[in-house]
Amino acid sequence: MKSMRLVGSIAALLIAATARAGAQQERQIEDELKAPRPIEALNSVWIEELTWMEVRDAIAAGKTTVIIPTGGIEQNGPYVATGKHNYILQGACEAIARALGNALCAPIVKFVPEGNIDPPTGHMRYPGTISVSQETFERLLDDIGSSLKAHGFRHIIYIGDSGGNQRGMAAVAQRQNQRWGETMAFYIPEFYNYEAVQNYMEKELGIVEPSNDGVHDNYYITALMMTVDPTIVRYEQRVKAGKASINGLSIAPKERTVEVGRKLMQFRVEQTVKAIRAAIAAASGDRR
């Protein structure tokens, strides 16, 4: 009997000690979360480039909108890198966030549905493509958006540069808003409106693709990519091989195509910023 009481006393002491240690650790974390940032913040809109203190202070300063960009790893013809969509998003997301003025960019979601894996279908027929199931993609987006909401972001924005991403982003945003009981997640289809981009290029810039080379590539995509890095469309190698054209349009000289790409990028940014602001304003009106 005495030994049982002794064991019980020891157990109680261990429980109490564990509780005290847990409370002390929690106080330390709370103090750390309130600690001032010891150095000047980096001028970046990418969460992965910021320290947690810089993210915290950005949110406190009003940057409560976060953009979750989705790209992909897929075949894009003989000249363009498999990360085509991700490179475009590097330029686009940053420009959108800075134009909004109150936004940050989450890391680009590079793994998206690209076809069945076994047996391979769609882009998965080509080496280098990486695919995930629709379920995996949607669960990943849900976890990313939910994580950012937990840290204080009020507007979770989903944009995607690939057609296969659109359905999943729309579904996730809808489920999140239902679960959260208010409209905080926004799928912005206007970002992927490449028909509008092509119309702008043709009507405003006077550039028309006269032919179709039959590969997963076109002039406006190449121009957008070249604003980020001409090497990802193999510019120098194509010039050397006499292949510096796509769908009947030359991508040389480099400076001209980059300038076209900048205008196309600006068009996409302006259309997307307008759509984001309208979507948030509409949701705010619904809550009132």
C-alpha atoms as a PDB file:
ATOM      1  CA  MET A   1       0.000   0.000   0.000  1.00  0.00           C
ATOM      2  CA  LYS A   2       2.822   2.347   0.983  1.00  0.00           C
ATOM      3  CA  SER A   3       4.665   1.592  -2.273  1.00  0.00           C
ATOM      4  CA  MET A   4       1.536   2.388  -4.280  1.00  0.00           C
ATOM      5  CA  ARG A   5       1.212   5.748  -2.517  1.00  0.00           C
ATOM      6  CA  LEU A   6       4.880   6.433  -3.229  1.00  0.00           C
ATOM      7  CA  VAL A   7       4.428   5.627  -6.909  1.00  0.00           C
ATOM      8  CA  GLY A   8       1.369   7.880  -7.010  1.00  0.00           C
ATOM      9  CA  SER A   9       3.262  10.728  -5.364  1.00  0.00           C
ATOM     10  CA  ILE A  10       6.134  10.400  -7.816  1.00  0.00           C
ATOM     11  CA  ALA A  11       3.716  10.346 -10.728  1.00  0.00           C
ATOM     12  CA  ALA A  12       2.000  13.463  -9.420  1.00  0.00           C
ATOM     13  CA  LEU A  13       5.335  15.229  -9.038  1.00  0.00           C
ATOM     14  CA  LEU A  14       6.317  14.283 -12.596  1.00  0.00           C
ATOM     15  CA  ILE A  15       2.995  15.537 -13.936  1.00  0.00           C
ATOM     16  CA  ALA A  16       3.358  18.804 -12.059  1.00  0.00           C
ATOM     17  CA  ALA A  17       6.942  19.252 -13.246  1.00  0.00           C
ATOM     18  CA  THR A  18       5.901  18.576 -16.831  1.00  0.00           C
ATOM     19  CA  ALA A  19       3.086  21.083 -16.543  1.00  0.00           C
ATOM     20  CA  ARG A  20       5.433  23.730 -15.140  1.00  0.00           C
ATOM     21  CA  ALA A  21       7.952  23.088 -17.914  1.00  0.00           C
ATOM     22  CA  GLY A  22       5.189  23.325 -20.515  1.00  0.00           C
ATOM     23  CA  ALA A  23       3.903  26.572 -19.051  1.00  0.00           C
ATOM     24  CA  GLN A  24       7.408  28.016 -18.961  1.00  0.00           C
ATOM     25  CA  GLN A  25       8.009  27.024 -22.571  1.00  0.00           C
ATOM     26  CA  GLU A  26       4.697  28.598 -23.582  1.00  0.00           C
ATOM     27  CA  ARG A  27       5.647  31.853 -21.814  1.00  0.00           C
ATOM     28  CA  GLN A  28       8.975  31.846 -23.648  1.00  0.00           C
ATOM     29  CA  ILE A  29       7.217  31.390 -26.980  1.00  0.00           C
ATOM     30  CA  GLU A  30       4.724  34.141 -26.176  1.00  0.00           C
ATOM     31  CA  ASP A  31       7.583  36.480 -25.231  1.00  0.00           C
ATOM     32  CA  GLU A  32       9.428  35.585 -28.433  1.00  0.00           C
ATOM     33  CA  LEU A  33       6.334  36.225 -30.553  1.00  0.00           C
ATOM     34  CA  LYS A  34       6.107  39.728 -29.064  1.00  0.00           C
ATOM     35  CA  ALA A  35       9.821  40.520 -29.343  1.00  0.00           C
ATOM     36  CA  PRO A  36      10.790  43.445 -31.600  1.00  0.00           C
ATOM     37  CA  ARG A  37      12.579  42.692 -34.861  1.00  0.00           C
ATOM     38  CA  PRO A  38      16.299  43.362 -34.268  1.00  0.00           C
ATOM     39  CA  ILE A  39      17.175  44.328 -37.852  1.00  0.00           C
ATOM     40  CA  GLU A  40      15.668  46.168 -40.810  1.00  0.00           C
ATOM     41  CA  ALA A  41      13.207  44.141 -42.857  1.00  0.00           C
ATOM     42  CA  LEU A  42      14.022  42.795 -46.328  1.00  0.00           C
ATOM     43  CA  ASN A  43      12.105  44.456 -49.135  1.00  0.00           C
ATOM     44  CA  SER A  44      10.458  41.313 -50.493  1.00  0.00           C
ATOM     45  CA  VAL A  45       6.885  40.118 -51.004  1.00  0.00           C
ATOM     46  CA  TRP A  46       7.824  36.409 -50.963  1.00  0.00           C
ATOM     47  CA  ILE A  47       7.061  34.733 -47.637  1.00  0.00           C
ATOM     48  CA  GLU A  48       9.829  32.167 -48.157  1.00  0.00           C
ATOM     49  CA  GLU A  49      12.395  34.992 -48.395  1.00  0.00           C
ATOM     50  CA  LEU A  50      11.206  36.688 -45.192  1.00  0.00           C
ATOM     51  CA  THR A  51      11.905  35.866 -41.571  1.00  0.00           C
ATOM     52  CA  TRP A  52       8.938  34.988 -39.382  1.00  0.00           C
ATOM     53  CA  MET A  53       9.307  38.376 -37.691  1.00  0.00           C
ATOM     54  CA  GLU A  54       9.158  40.140 -41.044  1.00  0.00           C
ATOM     55  CA  VAL A  55       5.985  38.233 -41.931  1.00  0.00           C
ATOM     56  CA  ARG A  56       4.475  39.045 -38.539  1.00  0.00           C
ATOM     57  CA  ASP A  57       5.246  42.738 -38.887  1.00  0.00           C
ATOM     58  CA  ALA A  58       3.997  42.849 -42.477  1.00  0.00           C
ATOM     59  CA  ILE A  59       0.650  41.414 -41.370  1.00  0.00           C
ATOM     60  CA  ALA A  60       0.481  43.879 -38.482  1.00  0.00           C
ATOM     61  CA  ALA A  61       1.180  46.703 -40.936  1.00  0.00           C
ATOM     62  CA  GLY A  62      -1.840  45.695 -43.030  1.00  0.00           C
ATOM     63  CA  LYS A  63      -0.485  43.151 -45.499  1.00  0.00           C
ATOM     64  CA  THR A  64      -3.305  40.718 -44.780  1.00  0.00           C
ATOM     65  CA  THR A  65      -3.774  39.472 -48.346  1.00  0.00           C
ATOM     66  CA  VAL A  66      -1.727  36.477 -49.462  1.00  0.00           C
ATOM     67  CA  ILE A  67      -1.473  35.068 -52.983  1.00  0.00           C
ATOM     68  CA  ILE A  68      -1.028  31.322 -53.458  1.00  0.00           C
ATOM     69  CA  PRO A  69       0.296  30.813 -57.024  1.00  0.00           C
ATOM     70  CA  THR A  70       0.097  27.383 -58.671  1.00  0.00           C
ATOM     71  CA  GLY A  71       2.306  26.381 -61.583  1.00  0.00           C
ATOM     72  CA  GLY A  72       3.529  22.971 -62.668  1.00  0.00           C
ATOM     73  CA  ILE A  73       6.347  20.816 -64.010  1.00  0.00           C
ATOM     74  CA  GLU A  74       5.451  19.622 -67.506  1.00  0.00           C
ATOM     75  CA  GLN A  75       6.702  19.191 -71.048  1.00  0.00           C
ATOM     76  CA  ASN A  76       6.659  22.399 -73.078  1.00  0.00           C
ATOM     77  CA  GLY A  77       8.150  21.478 -76.405  1.00  0.00           C
ATOM     78  CA  PRO A  78      11.829  21.251 -77.379  1.00  0.00           C
ATOM     79  CA  TYR A  79      12.914  24.723 -76.279  1.00  0.00           C
ATOM     80  CA  VAL A  80      11.081  25.706 -73.085  1.00  0.00           C
ATOM     81  CA  ALA A  81      11.943  24.517 -69.565  1.00  0.00           C
ATOM     82  CA  THR A  82       9.524  22.205 -67.762  1.00  0.00           C
ATOM     83  CA  GLY A  83       9.018  24.853 -65.087  1.00  0.00           C
ATOM     84  CA  LYS A  84       7.449  27.291 -67.590  1.00  0.00           C
ATOM     85  CA  HIS A  85       4.450  28.182 -65.418  1.00  0.00           C
ATOM     86  CA  ASN A  86       6.578  28.638 -62.305  1.00  0.00           C
ATOM     87  CA  TYR A  87       8.940  31.069 -64.009  1.00  0.00           C
ATOM     88  CA  ILE A  88       6.037  33.166 -65.256  1.00  0.00           C
ATOM     89  CA  LEU A  89       4.584  33.205 -61.740  1.00  0.00           C
ATOM     90  CA  GLN A  90       7.896  34.467 -60.341  1.00  0.00           C
ATOM     91  CA  GLY A  91       7.397  37.688 -62.243  1.00  0.00           C
ATOM     92  CA  ALA A  92       3.609  37.834 -62.086  1.00  0.00           C
ATOM     93  CA  CYS A  93       2.989  37.184 -58.398  1.00  0.00           C
ATOM     94  CA  GLU A  94       5.532  39.724 -57.243  1.00  0.00           C
ATOM     95  CA  ALA A  95       4.124  42.368 -59.585  1.00  0.00           C
ATOM     96  CA  ILE A  96       0.556  41.637 -58.469  1.00  0.00           C
ATOM     97  CA  ALA A  97       1.461  41.777 -54.781  1.00  0.00           C
ATOM     98  CA  ARG A  98       3.301  45.068 -55.154  1.00  0.00           C
ATOM     99  CA  ALA A  99       0.470  46.559 -57.210  1.00  0.00           C
ATOM    100  CA  LEU A 100      -2.048  45.569 -54.545  1.00  0.00           C
ATOM    101  CA  GLY A 101       0.185  47.111 -51.900  1.00  0.00           C
ATOM    102  CA  ASN A 102      -1.181  44.983 -49.059  1.00  0.00           C
ATOM    103  CA  ALA A 103      -0.194  41.488 -50.188  1.00  0.00           C
ATOM    104  CA  LEU A 104       2.511  38.849 -49.907  1.00  0.00           C
ATOM    105  CA  CYS A 105       3.178  35.814 -52.099  1.00  0.00           C
ATOM    106  CA  ALA A 106       3.253  32.270 -50.748  1.00  0.00           C
ATOM    107  CA  PRO A 107       5.805  29.905 -52.308  1.00  0.00           C
ATOM    108  CA  ILE A 108       4.780  28.759 -55.780  1.00  0.00           C
ATOM    109  CA  VAL A 109       2.976  25.405 -55.700  1.00  0.00           C
ATOM    110  CA  LYS A 110       4.974  23.578 -58.362  1.00  0.00           C
ATOM    111  CA  PHE A 111       3.441  20.111 -58.104  1.00  0.00           C
ATOM    112  CA  VAL A 112       0.010  19.904 -59.728  1.00  0.00           C
ATOM    113  CA  PRO A 113      -2.090  17.388 -61.685  1.00  0.00           C
ATOM    114  CA  GLU A 114      -0.368  16.730 -65.025  1.00  0.00           C
ATOM    115  CA  GLY A 115      -1.970  13.388 -65.961  1.00  0.00           C
ATOM    116  CA  ASN A 116      -2.163   9.877 -64.608  1.00  0.00           C
ATOM    117  CA  ILE A 117       1.106   8.431 -63.341  1.00  0.00           C
ATOM    118  CA  ASP A 118       0.586   4.710 -63.962  1.00  0.00           C
ATOM    119  CA  PRO A 119      -0.056   4.235 -66.786  1.00  0.00           C
ATOM    120  CA  PRO A 120       1.155   7.702 -67.817  1.00  0.00           C
ATOM    121  CA  THR A 121      -1.287   9.975 -69.624  1.00  0.00           C
ATOM    122  CA  GLY A 122      -1.181  13.582 -70.830  1.00  0.00           C
ATOM    123  CA  HIS A 123       2.029  15.413 -70.036  1.00  0.00           C
ATOM    124  CA  MET A 124       3.174  12.404 -68.002  1.00  0.00           C
ATOM    125  CA  ARG A 125       4.049  10.690 -71.291  1.00  0.00           C
ATOM    126  CA  TYR A 126       7.079  13.026 -71.465  1.00  0.00           C
ATOM    127  CA  PRO A 127      10.204  12.715 -69.257  1.00  0.00           C
ATOM    128  CA  GLY A 128      10.614  15.356 -66.566  1.00  0.00           C
ATOM    129  CA  THR A 129       6.923  15.911 -65.938  1.00  0.00           C
ATOM    130  CA  ILE A 130       5.855  15.521 -62.298  1.00  0.00           C
ATOM    131  CA  SER A 131       2.209  14.902 -61.499  1.00  0.00           C
ATOM    132  CA  VAL A 132       0.118  14.610 -58.341  1.00  0.00           C
ATOM    133  CA  SER A 133      -3.436  13.381 -57.986  1.00  0.00           C
ATOM    134  CA  GLN A 134      -6.312  15.826 -57.904  1.00  0.00           C
ATOM    135  CA  GLU A 135      -6.963  14.852 -54.289  1.00  0.00           C
ATOM    136  CA  THR A 136      -3.336  15.495 -53.287  1.00  0.00           C
ATOM    137  CA  PHE A 137      -3.333  18.854 -55.049  1.00  0.00           C
ATOM    138  CA  GLU A 138      -6.523  20.046 -53.391  1.00  0.00           C
ATOM    139  CA  ARG A 139      -5.490  18.842 -49.942  1.00  0.00           C
ATOM    140  CA  LEU A 140      -2.136  20.594 -50.335  1.00  0.00           C
ATOM    141  CA  LEU A 141      -3.817  23.871 -51.306  1.00  0.00           C
ATOM    142  CA  ASP A 142      -6.274  23.551 -48.433  1.00  0.00           C
ATOM    143  CA  ASP A 143      -3.453  23.045 -45.920  1.00  0.00           C
ATOM    144  CA  ILE A 144      -1.428  25.951 -47.330  1.00  0.00           C
ATOM    145  CA  GLY A 145      -4.387  28.338 -47.281  1.00  0.00           C
ATOM    146  CA  SER A 146      -5.460  27.198 -43.824  1.00  0.00           C
ATOM    147  CA  SER A 147      -1.931  27.671 -42.473  1.00  0.00           C
ATOM    148  CA  LEU A 148      -1.810  31.244 -43.746  1.00  0.00           C
ATOM    149  CA  LYS A 149      -5.268  32.019 -42.351  1.00  0.00           C
ATOM    150  CA  ALA A 150      -4.096  30.759 -38.945  1.00  0.00           C
ATOM    151  CA  HIS A 151      -1.344  33.401 -38.975  1.00  0.00           C
ATOM    152  CA  GLY A 152      -3.719  36.300 -39.577  1.00  0.00           C
ATOM    153  CA  PHE A 153      -4.107  36.644 -43.336  1.00  0.00           C
ATOM    154  CA  ARG A 154      -7.663  37.745 -44.105  1.00  0.00           C
ATOM    155  CA  HIS A 155      -7.766  37.234 -47.878  1.00  0.00           C
ATOM    156  CA  ILE A 156      -6.419  33.990 -49.372  1.00  0.00           C
ATOM    157  CA  ILE A 157      -6.000  34.412 -53.139  1.00  0.00           C
ATOM    158  CA  TYR A 158      -5.545  31.464 -55.518  1.00  0.00           C
ATOM    159  CA  ILE A 159      -4.130  32.049 -59.005  1.00  0.00           C
ATOM    160  CA  GLY A 160      -2.841  29.451 -61.452  1.00  0.00           C
ATOM    161  CA  ASP A 161      -0.894  29.596 -64.707  1.00  0.00           C
ATOM    162  CA  SER A 162      -1.918  26.127 -65.904  1.00  0.00           C
ATOM    163  CA  GLY A 163      -5.312  24.978 -67.137  1.00  0.00           C
ATOM    164  CA  GLY A 164      -5.281  21.785 -65.083  1.00  0.00           C
ATOM    165  CA  ASN A 165      -5.029  23.776 -61.845  1.00  0.00           C
ATOM    166  CA  GLN A 166      -8.190  25.841 -62.210  1.00  0.00           C
ATOM    167  CA  ARG A 167     -10.829  23.339 -61.081  1.00  0.00           C
ATOM    168  CA  GLY A 168      -8.924  22.399 -57.944  1.00  0.00           C
ATOM    169  CA  MET A 169      -8.350  25.995 -56.851  1.00  0.00           C
ATOM    170  CA  ALA A 170     -12.024  26.835 -57.308  1.00  0.00           C
ATOM    171  CA  ALA A 171     -13.089  23.776 -55.318  1.00  0.00           C
ATOM    172  CA  VAL A 172     -10.685  24.490 -52.451  1.00  0.00           C
ATOM    173  CA  ALA A 173     -11.725  28.139 -52.145  1.00  0.00           C
ATOM    174  CA  GLN A 174     -15.385  27.132 -52.044  1.00  0.00           C
ATOM    175  CA  ARG A 175     -14.827  24.471 -49.366  1.00  0.00           C
ATOM    176  CA  GLN A 176     -12.733  26.791 -47.232  1.00  0.00           C
ATOM    177  CA  ASN A 177     -15.330  29.553 -47.273  1.00  0.00           C
ATOM    178  CA  GLN A 178     -18.022  27.079 -46.288  1.00  0.00           C
ATOM    179  CA  ARG A 179     -15.869  25.731 -43.454  1.00  0.00           C
ATOM    180  CA  TRP A 180     -14.764  29.146 -42.218  1.00  0.00           C
ATOM    181  CA  GLY A 181     -18.249  30.615 -42.362  1.00  0.00           C
ATOM    182  CA  GLU A 182     -17.193  33.689 -44.318  1.00  0.00           C
ATOM    183  CA  THR A 183     -15.664  34.550 -47.677  1.00  0.00           C
ATOM    184  CA  MET A 184     -11.909  34.686 -47.139  1.00  0.00           C
ATOM    185  CA  ALA A 185     -10.666  32.442 -49.970  1.00  0.00           C
ATOM    186  CA  PHE A 186     -10.816  33.693 -53.542  1.00  0.00           C
ATOM    187  CA  TYR A 187     -10.141  31.826 -56.772  1.00  0.00           C
ATOM    188  CA  ILE A 188      -9.259  34.370 -59.477  1.00  0.00           C
ATOM    189  CA  PRO A 189      -9.878  32.863 -62.952  1.00  0.00           C
ATOM    190  CA  GLU A 190      -9.007  36.151 -64.663  1.00  0.00           C
ATOM    191  CA  PHE A 191      -5.312  35.470 -64.155  1.00  0.00           C
ATOM    192  CA  TYR A 192      -5.496  32.459 -66.486  1.00  0.00           C
ATOM    193  CA  ASN A 193      -7.383  34.290 -69.230  1.00  0.00           C
ATOM    194  CA  TYR A 194      -4.787  33.703 -71.948  1.00  0.00           C
ATOM    195  CA  GLU A 195      -7.391  34.431 -74.601  1.00  0.00           C
ATOM    196  CA  ALA A 196      -7.442  38.025 -73.330  1.00  0.00           C
ATOM    197  CA  VAL A 197      -3.630  38.078 -73.389  1.00  0.00           C
ATOM    198  CA  GLN A 198      -3.582  36.925 -76.999  1.00  0.00           C
ATOM    199  CA  ASN A 199      -6.247  39.452 -77.987  1.00  0.00           C
ATOM    200  CA  TYR A 200      -4.248  42.223 -76.301  1.00  0.00           C
ATOM    201  CA  MET A 201      -1.093  41.154 -78.111  1.00  0.00           C
ATOM    202  CA  GLU A 202      -2.853  41.082 -81.467  1.00  0.00           C
ATOM    203  CA  LYS A 203      -5.054  44.179 -81.185  1.00  0.00           C
ATOM    204  CA  GLU A 204      -2.964  46.471 -78.997  1.00  0.00           C
ATOM    205  CA  LEU A 205       0.566  45.400 -79.916  1.00  0.00           C
ATOM    206  CA  GLY A 206      -0.153  44.334 -83.486  1.00  0.00           C
ATOM    207  CA  ILE A 207       1.603  40.975 -83.090  1.00  0.00           C
ATOM    208  CA  VAL A 208      -0.076  37.930 -84.665  1.00  0.00           C
ATOM    209  CA  GLU A 209       1.247  34.373 -84.795  1.00  0.00           C
ATOM    210  CA  PRO A 210       0.942  33.421 -88.488  1.00  0.00           C
ATOM    211  CA  SER A 211       1.330  29.664 -87.994  1.00  0.00           C
ATOM    212  CA  ASN A 212       1.286  26.847 -85.435  1.00  0.00           C
ATOM    213  CA  ASP A 213       4.423  24.776 -84.937  1.00  0.00           C
ATOM    214  CA  GLY A 214       2.412  22.030 -83.251  1.00  0.00           C
ATOM    215  CA  VAL A 215       4.358  22.102 -79.970  1.00  0.00           C
ATOM    216  CA  HIS A 216       3.254  23.057 -76.464  1.00  0.00           C
ATOM    217  CA  ASP A 217       4.605  26.592 -76.806  1.00  0.00           C
ATOM    218  CA  ASN A 218       3.701  29.963 -78.316  1.00  0.00           C
ATOM    219  CA  TYR A 219       5.100  33.446 -78.712  1.00  0.00           C
ATOM    220  CA  TYR A 220       3.367  35.187 -75.817  1.00  0.00           C
ATOM    221  CA  ILE A 221       4.361  32.474 -73.348  1.00  0.00           C
ATOM    222  CA  THR A 222       7.969  32.667 -74.535  1.00  0.00           C
ATOM    223  CA  ALA A 223       7.920  36.473 -74.262  1.00  0.00           C
ATOM    224  CA  LEU A 224       6.558  36.302 -70.704  1.00  0.00           C
ATOM    225  CA  MET A 225       9.246  33.815 -69.708  1.00  0.00           C
ATOM    226  CA  MET A 226      11.997  35.917 -71.233  1.00  0.00           C
ATOM    227  CA  THR A 227      11.143  38.792 -68.878  1.00  0.00           C
ATOM    228  CA  VAL A 228      12.300  36.513 -66.059  1.00  0.00           C
ATOM    229  CA  ASP A 229      15.252  34.740 -67.713  1.00  0.00           C
ATOM    230  CA  PRO A 230      15.941  34.217 -71.461  1.00  0.00           C
ATOM    231  CA  THR A 231      17.944  31.064 -70.717  1.00  0.00           C
ATOM    232  CA  ILE A 232      14.772  29.156 -69.768  1.00  0.00           C
ATOM    233  CA  VAL A 233      13.588  29.370 -73.386  1.00  0.00           C
ATOM    234  CA  ARG A 234      17.134  28.485 -74.581  1.00  0.00           C
ATOM    235  CA  TYR A 235      17.486  31.805 -76.410  1.00  0.00           C
ATOM    236  CA  GLU A 236      21.217  31.590 -77.212  1.00  0.00           C
ATOM    237  CA  GLN A 237      21.059  27.934 -78.261  1.00  0.00           C
ATOM    238  CA  ARG A 238      18.090  28.613 -80.545  1.00  0.00           C
ATOM    239  CA  VAL A 239      19.791  31.555 -82.200  1.00  0.00           C
ATOM    240  CA  LYS A 240      22.883  29.430 -82.803  1.00  0.00           C
ATOM    241  CA  ALA A 241      20.799  26.586 -84.249  1.00  0.00           C
ATOM    242  CA  GLY A 242      18.612  28.850 -86.388  1.00  0.00           C
ATOM    243  CA  LYS A 243      15.534  27.967 -84.284  1.00  0.00           C
ATOM    244  CA  ALA A 244      14.829  31.354 -82.716  1.00  0.00           C
ATOM    245  CA  SER A 245      11.177  31.476 -83.695  1.00  0.00           C
ATOM    246  CA  ILE A 246       7.849  30.043 -82.578  1.00  0.00           C
ATOM    247  CA  ASN A 247       4.631  29.806 -84.576  1.00  0.00           C
ATOM    248  CA  GLY A 248       6.156  31.906 -87.336  1.00  0.00           C
ATOM    249  CA  LEU A 249       7.373  34.741 -85.091  1.00  0.00           C
ATOM    250  CA  SER A 250      11.044  35.426 -84.403  1.00  0.00           C
ATOM    251  CA  ILE A 251      12.039  35.854 -80.763  1.00  0.00           C
ATOM    252  CA  ALA A 252      15.157  37.759 -81.863  1.00  0.00           C
ATOM    253  CA  PRO A 253      16.377  40.248 -81.054  1.00  0.00           C
ATOM    254  CA  LYS A 254      16.088  39.354 -77.408  1.00  0.00           C
ATOM    255  CA  GLU A 255      15.481  42.929 -76.251  1.00  0.00           C
ATOM    256  CA  ARG A 256      12.407  43.314 -78.459  1.00  0.00           C
ATOM    257  CA  THR A 257      10.774  40.116 -77.230  1.00  0.00           C
ATOM    258  CA  VAL A 258      11.526  40.979 -73.594  1.00  0.00           C
ATOM    259  CA  GLU A 259       9.838  44.350 -74.097  1.00  0.00           C
ATOM    260  CA  VAL A 260       6.774  42.626 -75.554  1.00  0.00           C
ATOM    261  CA  GLY A 261       6.816  40.256 -72.585  1.00  0.00           C
ATOM    262  CA  ARG A 262       6.876  43.162 -70.147  1.00  0.00           C
ATOM    263  CA  LYS A 263       3.810  44.695 -71.778  1.00  0.00           C
ATOM    264  CA  LEU A 264       1.988  41.364 -71.693  1.00  0.00           C
ATOM    265  CA  MET A 265       2.964  40.853 -68.061  1.00  0.00           C
ATOM    266  CA  GLN A 266       1.724  44.300 -67.132  1.00  0.00           C
ATOM    267  CA  PHE A 267      -1.574  43.594 -68.882  1.00  0.00           C
ATOM    268  CA  ARG A 268      -2.024  40.366 -66.906  1.00  0.00           C
ATOM    269  CA  VAL A 269      -1.086  42.062 -63.652  1.00  0.00           C
ATOM    270  CA  GLU A 270      -3.552  44.895 -64.165  1.00  0.00           C
ATOM    271  CA  GLN A 271      -6.381  42.514 -65.069  1.00  0.00           C
ATOM    272  CA  THR A 272      -5.652  40.303 -62.067  1.00  0.00           C
ATOM    273  CA  VAL A 273      -5.344  43.160 -59.570  1.00  0.00           C
ATOM    274  CA  LYS A 274      -8.654  44.542 -60.790  1.00  0.00           C
ATOM    275  CA  ALA A 275     -10.296  41.125 -60.387  1.00  0.00           C
ATOM    276  CA  ILE A 276      -8.869  40.584 -56.893  1.00  0.00           C
ATOM    277  CA  ARG A 277     -10.053  43.959 -55.672  1.00  0.00           C
ATOM    278  CA  ALA A 278     -13.502  43.409 -57.154  1.00  0.00           C
ATOM    279  CA  ALA A 279     -13.808  39.950 -55.571  1.00  0.00           C
ATOM    280  CA  ILE A 280     -12.800  41.217 -52.122  1.00  0.00           C
ATOM    281  CA  ALA A 281     -15.091  44.226 -52.393  1.00  0.00           C
ATOM    282  CA  ALA A 282     -18.013  41.991 -53.376  1.00  0.00           C
ATOM    283  CA  ALA A 283     -17.372  39.682 -50.434  1.00  0.00           C
ATOM    284  CA  SER A 284     -17.151  42.645 -48.054  1.00  0.00           C
ATOM    285  CA  GLY A 285     -20.485  43.869 -49.394  1.00  0.00           C
ATOM    286  CA  ASP A 286     -22.018  40.458 -48.810  1.00  0.00           C
ATOM    287  CA  ARG A 287     -20.892  40.485 -45.165  1.00  0.00           C
ATOM    288  CA  ARG A 288     -22.476  43.886 -44.604  1.00  0.00           C
END
